[in-house]
């Protein structure tokens, strides 16, 4: 089980989250699901036609790299939703109820790409900071027992 500081200060590219800790406890997850659904409806982004991943801040280089990896149709749909939502925000009116984003259609399309970019950056950092053991042993003056 991860420690509290690990759960709060390092749960991924989108910031601190208690979600993994809550998902490990079924009773807490059932209780929290009601409040989660209420909050998603109260946030109002579905009434403007947005998906959850449309709300992720784009000024992050990791997010920009993930956006560049989107397929052409998803990228076009994202821009369309952003423009339509901006117009609705300026008019201070929600979309007609039949055009609202349904809860079933509100899926994560950008988050998996962001996690993939973060994993690649972590792997690249590990390879960049790798120390070759044989050179390290030579520097320390140790003899290699295998040859």
N, C-alpha and C. Protein backbone atom coordinates (compact mmCIF):
# COMPACT_ATOMS: atom_id res chain seq x y z
N UNK A 1 0.84 -1.18 0.00
CA UNK A 1 0.00 0.00 0.00
C UNK A 1 0.88 1.24 0.00
N UNK A 2 0.57 2.21 -0.88
CA UNK A 2 1.40 3.41 -0.94
C UNK A 2 1.21 4.29 0.29
N UNK A 3 2.20 5.08 0.57
CA UNK A 3 2.13 5.98 1.71
C UNK A 3 1.24 7.17 1.36
N UNK A 4 0.84 7.91 2.39
CA UNK A 4 -0.05 9.06 2.20
C UNK A 4 0.62 10.12 1.33
N UNK A 5 1.90 10.40 1.57
CA UNK A 5 2.56 11.45 0.78
C UNK A 5 2.69 11.03 -0.68
N UNK A 6 2.87 9.74 -0.96
CA UNK A 6 2.93 9.26 -2.33
C UNK A 6 1.57 9.40 -3.00
N UNK A 7 0.50 9.15 -2.25
CA UNK A 7 -0.83 9.26 -2.82
C UNK A 7 -1.18 10.71 -3.14
N UNK A 8 -0.73 11.64 -2.31
CA UNK A 8 -1.12 13.03 -2.49
C UNK A 8 -0.18 13.76 -3.44
N UNK A 9 1.12 13.50 -3.36
CA UNK A 9 2.08 14.31 -4.09
C UNK A 9 2.71 13.63 -5.29
N UNK A 10 2.09 12.76 -5.96
CA UNK A 10 2.75 12.20 -7.12
C UNK A 10 1.94 11.16 -7.84
N UNK A 11 0.68 11.43 -8.03
CA UNK A 11 -0.17 10.44 -8.65
C UNK A 11 -0.41 10.66 -10.13
N UNK A 12 0.52 11.22 -10.81
CA UNK A 12 0.34 11.30 -12.24
C UNK A 12 0.51 12.68 -12.81
N UNK A 13 0.32 12.75 -14.10
CA UNK A 13 0.60 13.98 -14.81
C UNK A 13 -0.43 15.07 -14.60
N UNK A 14 -1.59 14.74 -14.10
CA UNK A 14 -2.65 15.73 -13.96
C UNK A 14 -2.71 16.34 -12.57
N UNK A 15 -1.78 16.00 -11.72
CA UNK A 15 -1.71 16.60 -10.39
C UNK A 15 -2.06 15.62 -9.29
N UNK A 16 -2.08 16.13 -8.07
CA UNK A 16 -2.35 15.27 -6.92
C UNK A 16 -3.78 14.73 -6.96
N UNK A 17 -3.93 13.50 -6.49
CA UNK A 17 -5.23 12.85 -6.53
C UNK A 17 -5.31 11.78 -5.46
N UNK A 18 -6.48 11.67 -4.87
CA UNK A 18 -6.75 10.59 -3.92
C UNK A 18 -7.51 9.44 -4.59
N UNK A 19 -7.71 9.53 -5.90
CA UNK A 19 -8.51 8.54 -6.62
C UNK A 19 -7.97 7.11 -6.47
N UNK A 20 -6.66 6.85 -6.60
CA UNK A 20 -6.20 5.46 -6.43
C UNK A 20 -6.50 4.92 -5.03
N UNK A 21 -6.38 5.75 -4.03
CA UNK A 21 -6.65 5.34 -2.65
C UNK A 21 -8.13 5.03 -2.48
N UNK A 22 -9.00 5.84 -3.08
CA UNK A 22 -10.44 5.62 -2.96
C UNK A 22 -10.85 4.37 -3.73
N UNK A 23 -10.25 4.12 -4.90
CA UNK A 23 -10.60 2.95 -5.70
C UNK A 23 -10.23 1.64 -5.02
N UNK A 24 -9.29 1.66 -4.10
CA UNK A 24 -8.90 0.45 -3.39
C UNK A 24 -9.91 0.04 -2.33
N UNK A 25 -10.81 0.94 -1.97
CA UNK A 25 -11.78 0.67 -0.92
C UNK A 25 -13.20 0.73 -1.50
N UNK A 26 -13.83 -0.44 -1.70
CA UNK A 26 -15.14 -0.49 -2.37
C UNK A 26 -16.23 0.31 -1.65
N UNK A 27 -16.28 0.26 -0.34
CA UNK A 27 -17.34 1.00 0.36
C UNK A 27 -17.15 2.51 0.20
N UNK A 28 -15.92 2.96 0.29
CA UNK A 28 -15.64 4.37 0.10
C UNK A 28 -15.91 4.78 -1.34
N UNK A 29 -15.63 3.90 -2.28
CA UNK A 29 -15.88 4.19 -3.69
C UNK A 29 -17.38 4.34 -3.96
N UNK A 30 -18.21 3.48 -3.36
CA UNK A 30 -19.66 3.60 -3.54
C UNK A 30 -20.17 4.92 -2.97
N UNK A 31 -19.68 5.27 -1.79
CA UNK A 31 -20.08 6.52 -1.15
C UNK A 31 -19.64 7.71 -1.99
N UNK A 32 -18.42 7.68 -2.46
CA UNK A 32 -17.85 8.82 -3.18
C UNK A 32 -18.44 8.96 -4.58
N UNK A 33 -18.95 7.89 -5.18
CA UNK A 33 -19.49 7.93 -6.53
C UNK A 33 -20.69 8.88 -6.61
N UNK A 34 -21.52 8.89 -5.59
CA UNK A 34 -22.67 9.80 -5.58
C UNK A 34 -22.22 11.26 -5.65
N UNK A 35 -21.25 11.60 -4.81
CA UNK A 35 -20.76 12.98 -4.79
C UNK A 35 -20.02 13.31 -6.08
N UNK A 36 -19.34 12.36 -6.65
CA UNK A 36 -18.62 12.56 -7.89
C UNK A 36 -19.58 12.88 -9.03
N UNK A 37 -20.65 12.10 -9.13
CA UNK A 37 -21.64 12.34 -10.18
C UNK A 37 -22.33 13.69 -9.99
N UNK A 38 -22.65 14.03 -8.74
CA UNK A 38 -23.27 15.32 -8.47
C UNK A 38 -22.33 16.45 -8.88
N UNK A 39 -21.04 16.33 -8.55
CA UNK A 39 -20.09 17.38 -8.88
C UNK A 39 -19.92 17.53 -10.39
N UNK A 40 -19.87 16.42 -11.10
CA UNK A 40 -19.72 16.49 -12.56
C UNK A 40 -20.91 17.21 -13.19
N UNK A 41 -22.10 16.96 -12.67
CA UNK A 41 -23.28 17.65 -13.20
C UNK A 41 -23.29 19.11 -12.79
N UNK A 42 -22.85 19.42 -11.58
CA UNK A 42 -22.85 20.79 -11.10
C UNK A 42 -21.75 21.63 -11.75
N UNK A 43 -20.69 21.00 -12.23
CA UNK A 43 -19.59 21.74 -12.84
C UNK A 43 -20.04 22.44 -14.12
N UNK A 44 -20.97 21.88 -14.84
CA UNK A 44 -21.56 22.54 -15.99
C UNK A 44 -20.83 22.35 -17.31
N UNK A 45 -19.75 21.59 -17.31
CA UNK A 45 -19.03 21.44 -18.58
C UNK A 45 -19.81 20.58 -19.57
N UNK A 46 -20.63 19.68 -19.08
CA UNK A 46 -21.43 18.85 -19.99
C UNK A 46 -22.53 19.66 -20.66
N UNK A 47 -23.05 20.68 -19.96
CA UNK A 47 -24.08 21.53 -20.54
C UNK A 47 -23.53 22.39 -21.67
N UNK A 48 -22.22 22.61 -21.68
CA UNK A 48 -21.58 23.38 -22.76
C UNK A 48 -21.08 22.48 -23.88
N UNK A 49 -21.18 21.16 -23.70
CA UNK A 49 -20.78 20.22 -24.74
C UNK A 49 -19.35 19.72 -24.62
N UNK A 50 -18.67 20.05 -23.52
CA UNK A 50 -17.29 19.60 -23.34
C UNK A 50 -17.24 18.15 -22.85
N UNK A 51 -16.10 17.51 -23.08
CA UNK A 51 -15.75 16.27 -22.41
C UNK A 51 -14.79 16.61 -21.28
N UNK A 52 -14.59 15.66 -20.37
CA UNK A 52 -13.73 15.91 -19.21
C UNK A 52 -12.31 16.30 -19.63
N UNK A 53 -11.76 15.60 -20.61
CA UNK A 53 -10.38 15.87 -21.02
C UNK A 53 -10.22 17.19 -21.77
N UNK A 54 -11.32 17.81 -22.18
CA UNK A 54 -11.23 19.13 -22.79
C UNK A 54 -10.85 20.20 -21.77
N UNK A 55 -11.01 19.90 -20.49
CA UNK A 55 -10.74 20.87 -19.43
C UNK A 55 -9.29 20.87 -18.97
N UNK A 56 -8.48 19.95 -19.46
CA UNK A 56 -7.08 19.87 -19.05
C UNK A 56 -6.33 21.06 -19.63
N UNK A 57 -5.53 21.70 -18.80
CA UNK A 57 -4.78 22.89 -19.22
C UNK A 57 -3.75 22.52 -20.28
N UNK A 58 -3.74 23.27 -21.37
CA UNK A 58 -2.88 22.94 -22.51
C UNK A 58 -1.49 23.55 -22.43
N UNK A 59 -1.23 24.44 -21.50
CA UNK A 59 0.05 25.14 -21.46
C UNK A 59 1.20 24.28 -20.95
N UNK A 60 0.94 23.03 -20.69
CA UNK A 60 1.95 22.10 -20.23
C UNK A 60 2.57 21.41 -21.45
N UNK A 61 3.91 21.35 -21.56
CA UNK A 61 4.52 20.70 -22.73
C UNK A 61 4.13 19.24 -22.88
N UNK A 62 3.92 18.56 -21.77
CA UNK A 62 3.50 17.16 -21.82
C UNK A 62 2.13 17.04 -22.46
N UNK A 63 1.22 17.91 -22.08
CA UNK A 63 -0.14 17.89 -22.64
C UNK A 63 -0.10 18.27 -24.11
N UNK A 64 0.73 19.24 -24.47
CA UNK A 64 0.83 19.63 -25.88
C UNK A 64 1.34 18.48 -26.74
N UNK A 65 2.29 17.74 -26.21
CA UNK A 65 2.81 16.59 -26.95
C UNK A 65 1.71 15.53 -27.11
N UNK A 66 0.92 15.32 -26.06
CA UNK A 66 -0.18 14.35 -26.13
C UNK A 66 -1.24 14.81 -27.12
N UNK A 67 -1.54 16.10 -27.16
CA UNK A 67 -2.53 16.63 -28.10
C UNK A 67 -2.04 16.44 -29.54
N UNK A 68 -0.73 16.59 -29.74
CA UNK A 68 -0.20 16.42 -31.10
C UNK A 68 -0.30 14.96 -31.56
N UNK A 69 -0.44 14.03 -30.63
CA UNK A 69 -0.57 12.61 -30.98
C UNK A 69 -2.00 12.17 -31.23
N UNK A 70 -2.95 13.06 -31.02
CA UNK A 70 -4.35 12.70 -31.25
C UNK A 70 -4.59 12.41 -32.73
N UNK A 71 -5.45 11.45 -33.04
CA UNK A 71 -5.83 11.23 -34.44
C UNK A 71 -6.55 12.48 -34.98
N UNK A 72 -6.57 12.63 -36.28
CA UNK A 72 -7.12 13.84 -36.91
C UNK A 72 -8.58 14.07 -36.53
N UNK A 73 -9.39 13.01 -36.52
CA UNK A 73 -10.81 13.20 -36.21
C UNK A 73 -11.02 13.63 -34.76
N UNK A 74 -10.27 13.08 -33.82
CA UNK A 74 -10.41 13.48 -32.42
C UNK A 74 -9.90 14.91 -32.21
N UNK A 75 -8.86 15.27 -32.93
CA UNK A 75 -8.34 16.64 -32.83
C UNK A 75 -9.37 17.63 -33.36
N UNK A 76 -9.99 17.31 -34.48
CA UNK A 76 -11.03 18.17 -35.04
C UNK A 76 -12.22 18.28 -34.09
N UNK A 77 -12.66 17.16 -33.53
CA UNK A 77 -13.77 17.17 -32.58
C UNK A 77 -13.45 18.01 -31.35
N UNK A 78 -12.21 17.93 -30.90
CA UNK A 78 -11.79 18.72 -29.73
C UNK A 78 -11.89 20.21 -30.03
N UNK A 79 -11.38 20.62 -31.19
CA UNK A 79 -11.43 22.04 -31.57
C UNK A 79 -12.89 22.48 -31.72
N UNK A 80 -13.72 21.64 -32.30
CA UNK A 80 -15.14 21.97 -32.47
C UNK A 80 -15.80 22.18 -31.11
N UNK A 81 -15.54 21.26 -30.17
CA UNK A 81 -16.14 21.39 -28.84
C UNK A 81 -15.65 22.65 -28.13
N UNK A 82 -14.37 22.98 -28.30
CA UNK A 82 -13.81 24.18 -27.66
C UNK A 82 -14.48 25.44 -28.22
N UNK A 83 -14.61 25.51 -29.53
CA UNK A 83 -15.23 26.69 -30.15
C UNK A 83 -16.71 26.81 -29.76
N UNK A 84 -17.42 25.70 -29.82
CA UNK A 84 -18.83 25.73 -29.46
C UNK A 84 -19.01 26.11 -27.99
N UNK A 85 -18.17 25.56 -27.11
CA UNK A 85 -18.25 25.90 -25.69
C UNK A 85 -17.91 27.36 -25.43
N UNK A 86 -16.94 27.89 -26.15
CA UNK A 86 -16.58 29.29 -25.98
C UNK A 86 -17.73 30.20 -26.40
N UNK A 87 -18.37 29.88 -27.50
CA UNK A 87 -19.52 30.67 -27.95
C UNK A 87 -20.64 30.62 -26.92
N UNK A 88 -20.92 29.41 -26.39
CA UNK A 88 -21.97 29.28 -25.39
C UNK A 88 -21.62 30.03 -24.10
N UNK A 89 -20.34 30.05 -23.75
CA UNK A 89 -19.91 30.78 -22.56
C UNK A 89 -20.08 32.29 -22.75
N UNK A 90 -19.74 32.77 -23.94
CA UNK A 90 -19.89 34.20 -24.20
C UNK A 90 -21.37 34.61 -24.21
N UNK A 91 -22.23 33.73 -24.68
CA UNK A 91 -23.67 34.02 -24.71
C UNK A 91 -24.34 33.77 -23.36
N UNK A 92 -23.62 33.14 -22.43
CA UNK A 92 -24.15 32.80 -21.10
C UNK A 92 -25.39 31.91 -21.19
N UNK A 93 -25.38 31.00 -22.15
CA UNK A 93 -26.48 30.06 -22.30
C UNK A 93 -25.94 28.66 -22.49
N UNK A 94 -26.58 27.67 -21.91
CA UNK A 94 -26.17 26.29 -22.19
C UNK A 94 -26.71 25.84 -23.55
N UNK A 95 -26.18 24.74 -24.02
CA UNK A 95 -26.68 24.15 -25.25
C UNK A 95 -28.09 23.60 -25.02
N UNK A 96 -28.84 23.34 -26.09
CA UNK A 96 -30.11 22.63 -25.91
C UNK A 96 -29.86 21.27 -25.26
N UNK A 97 -30.79 20.83 -24.46
CA UNK A 97 -30.60 19.63 -23.65
C UNK A 97 -30.20 18.40 -24.46
N UNK A 98 -30.68 18.26 -25.69
CA UNK A 98 -30.34 17.09 -26.50
C UNK A 98 -28.90 17.14 -27.00
N UNK A 99 -28.23 18.30 -26.92
CA UNK A 99 -26.84 18.41 -27.36
C UNK A 99 -25.84 18.34 -26.20
N UNK A 100 -26.33 18.23 -24.97
CA UNK A 100 -25.44 18.10 -23.82
C UNK A 100 -24.64 16.80 -23.95
N UNK A 101 -23.46 16.79 -23.36
CA UNK A 101 -22.65 15.58 -23.34
C UNK A 101 -23.28 14.58 -22.37
N UNK A 102 -23.55 13.40 -22.85
CA UNK A 102 -24.11 12.35 -22.00
C UNK A 102 -23.01 11.79 -21.10
N UNK A 103 -23.39 11.29 -19.94
CA UNK A 103 -22.41 10.72 -19.00
C UNK A 103 -21.69 9.52 -19.62
N UNK A 104 -22.40 8.75 -20.44
CA UNK A 104 -21.78 7.57 -21.07
C UNK A 104 -20.77 7.99 -22.15
N UNK A 105 -20.99 9.13 -22.78
CA UNK A 105 -20.10 9.59 -23.86
C UNK A 105 -18.90 10.36 -23.31
N UNK A 106 -18.94 10.70 -22.03
CA UNK A 106 -17.85 11.48 -21.42
C UNK A 106 -16.70 10.55 -21.07
N UNK A 107 -15.89 10.23 -22.05
CA UNK A 107 -14.80 9.28 -21.86
C UNK A 107 -13.46 10.02 -21.93
N UNK A 108 -12.46 9.40 -21.37
CA UNK A 108 -11.11 9.98 -21.37
C UNK A 108 -10.42 9.64 -22.69
N UNK A 109 -10.18 10.61 -23.51
CA UNK A 109 -9.48 10.36 -24.76
C UNK A 109 -8.05 10.89 -24.73
N UNK A 110 -7.77 11.86 -23.85
CA UNK A 110 -6.45 12.48 -23.81
C UNK A 110 -5.59 11.96 -22.65
N UNK A 111 -6.21 11.56 -21.57
CA UNK A 111 -5.48 11.11 -20.39
C UNK A 111 -4.56 9.91 -20.68
N UNK A 112 -5.00 8.89 -21.44
CA UNK A 112 -4.06 7.79 -21.74
C UNK A 112 -2.84 8.26 -22.53
N UNK A 113 -3.03 9.23 -23.42
CA UNK A 113 -1.88 9.75 -24.17
C UNK A 113 -0.94 10.54 -23.27
N UNK A 114 -1.50 11.28 -22.32
CA UNK A 114 -0.67 12.03 -21.38
C UNK A 114 0.15 11.07 -20.54
N UNK A 115 -0.48 10.00 -20.06
CA UNK A 115 0.24 9.01 -19.26
C UNK A 115 1.33 8.33 -20.08
N UNK A 116 1.07 8.10 -21.36
CA UNK A 116 2.08 7.50 -22.24
C UNK A 116 3.27 8.44 -22.42
N UNK A 117 3.01 9.73 -22.60
CA UNK A 117 4.09 10.72 -22.75
C UNK A 117 4.92 10.80 -21.47
N UNK A 118 4.25 10.80 -20.32
CA UNK A 118 4.97 10.85 -19.05
C UNK A 118 5.84 9.62 -18.86
N UNK A 119 5.32 8.44 -19.23
CA UNK A 119 6.12 7.21 -19.12
C UNK A 119 7.33 7.27 -20.04
N UNK A 120 7.16 7.80 -21.24
CA UNK A 120 8.29 7.93 -22.16
C UNK A 120 9.34 8.90 -21.64
N UNK A 121 8.88 10.01 -21.06
CA UNK A 121 9.82 10.98 -20.49
C UNK A 121 10.58 10.38 -19.32
N UNK A 122 9.89 9.59 -18.50
CA UNK A 122 10.55 8.95 -17.37
C UNK A 122 11.58 7.94 -17.86
N UNK A 123 11.22 7.16 -18.88
CA UNK A 123 12.16 6.19 -19.42
C UNK A 123 13.36 6.89 -20.05
N UNK A 124 13.11 7.98 -20.76
CA UNK A 124 14.20 8.74 -21.36
C UNK A 124 15.14 9.29 -20.28
N UNK A 125 14.57 9.77 -19.19
CA UNK A 125 15.38 10.29 -18.09
C UNK A 125 16.21 9.18 -17.46
N UNK A 126 15.64 7.98 -17.32
CA UNK A 126 16.39 6.85 -16.76
C UNK A 126 17.55 6.47 -17.67
N UNK A 127 17.31 6.48 -18.99
CA UNK A 127 18.38 6.14 -19.92
C UNK A 127 19.45 7.23 -19.95
N UNK A 128 19.06 8.48 -19.80
CA UNK A 128 20.02 9.58 -19.83
C UNK A 128 20.91 9.61 -18.59
N UNK A 129 20.40 9.12 -17.47
CA UNK A 129 21.17 9.17 -16.23
C UNK A 129 21.77 7.82 -15.87
N UNK A 130 21.75 6.86 -16.79
CA UNK A 130 22.25 5.52 -16.51
C UNK A 130 23.78 5.53 -16.44
N UNK A 131 24.31 4.78 -15.51
CA UNK A 131 25.75 4.63 -15.35
C UNK A 131 26.09 3.19 -15.71
N UNK A 132 27.07 3.04 -16.57
CA UNK A 132 27.48 1.70 -16.98
C UNK A 132 28.30 1.08 -15.86
N UNK A 133 27.94 -0.12 -15.45
CA UNK A 133 28.58 -0.78 -14.31
C UNK A 133 30.06 -1.06 -14.55
N UNK A 134 30.40 -1.49 -15.73
CA UNK A 134 31.79 -1.85 -15.99
C UNK A 134 32.72 -0.65 -15.82
N UNK A 135 32.32 0.50 -16.32
CA UNK A 135 33.11 1.71 -16.15
C UNK A 135 33.17 2.12 -14.69
N UNK A 136 32.07 1.95 -14.02
CA UNK A 136 32.02 2.29 -12.61
C UNK A 136 32.99 1.40 -11.82
N UNK A 137 33.06 0.10 -12.15
CA UNK A 137 33.97 -0.81 -11.45
C UNK A 137 35.42 -0.45 -11.74
N UNK A 138 35.71 -0.05 -12.96
CA UNK A 138 37.07 0.35 -13.28
C UNK A 138 37.50 1.57 -12.50
N UNK A 139 36.58 2.50 -12.37
CA UNK A 139 36.91 3.72 -11.63
C UNK A 139 37.17 3.41 -10.17
N UNK A 140 36.48 2.45 -9.63
CA UNK A 140 36.67 2.10 -8.24
C UNK A 140 37.87 1.17 -8.04
N UNK A 141 38.47 0.70 -9.13
CA UNK A 141 39.63 -0.15 -9.03
C UNK A 141 39.32 -1.61 -8.73
N UNK A 142 38.07 -2.00 -8.89
CA UNK A 142 37.69 -3.39 -8.64
C UNK A 142 38.01 -4.23 -9.87
N UNK A 143 38.33 -5.45 -9.63
CA UNK A 143 38.61 -6.37 -10.71
C UNK A 143 37.35 -7.15 -11.04
N UNK A 144 37.13 -7.36 -12.31
CA UNK A 144 35.96 -8.11 -12.75
C UNK A 144 36.26 -9.60 -12.61
N UNK A 145 35.41 -10.33 -11.90
CA UNK A 145 35.66 -11.74 -11.66
C UNK A 145 35.35 -12.60 -12.88
N UNK A 146 34.66 -12.04 -13.88
CA UNK A 146 34.27 -12.82 -15.04
C UNK A 146 35.23 -12.66 -16.21
N UNK A 147 36.24 -11.90 -16.11
CA UNK A 147 37.09 -11.90 -17.26
C UNK A 147 38.04 -10.81 -17.31
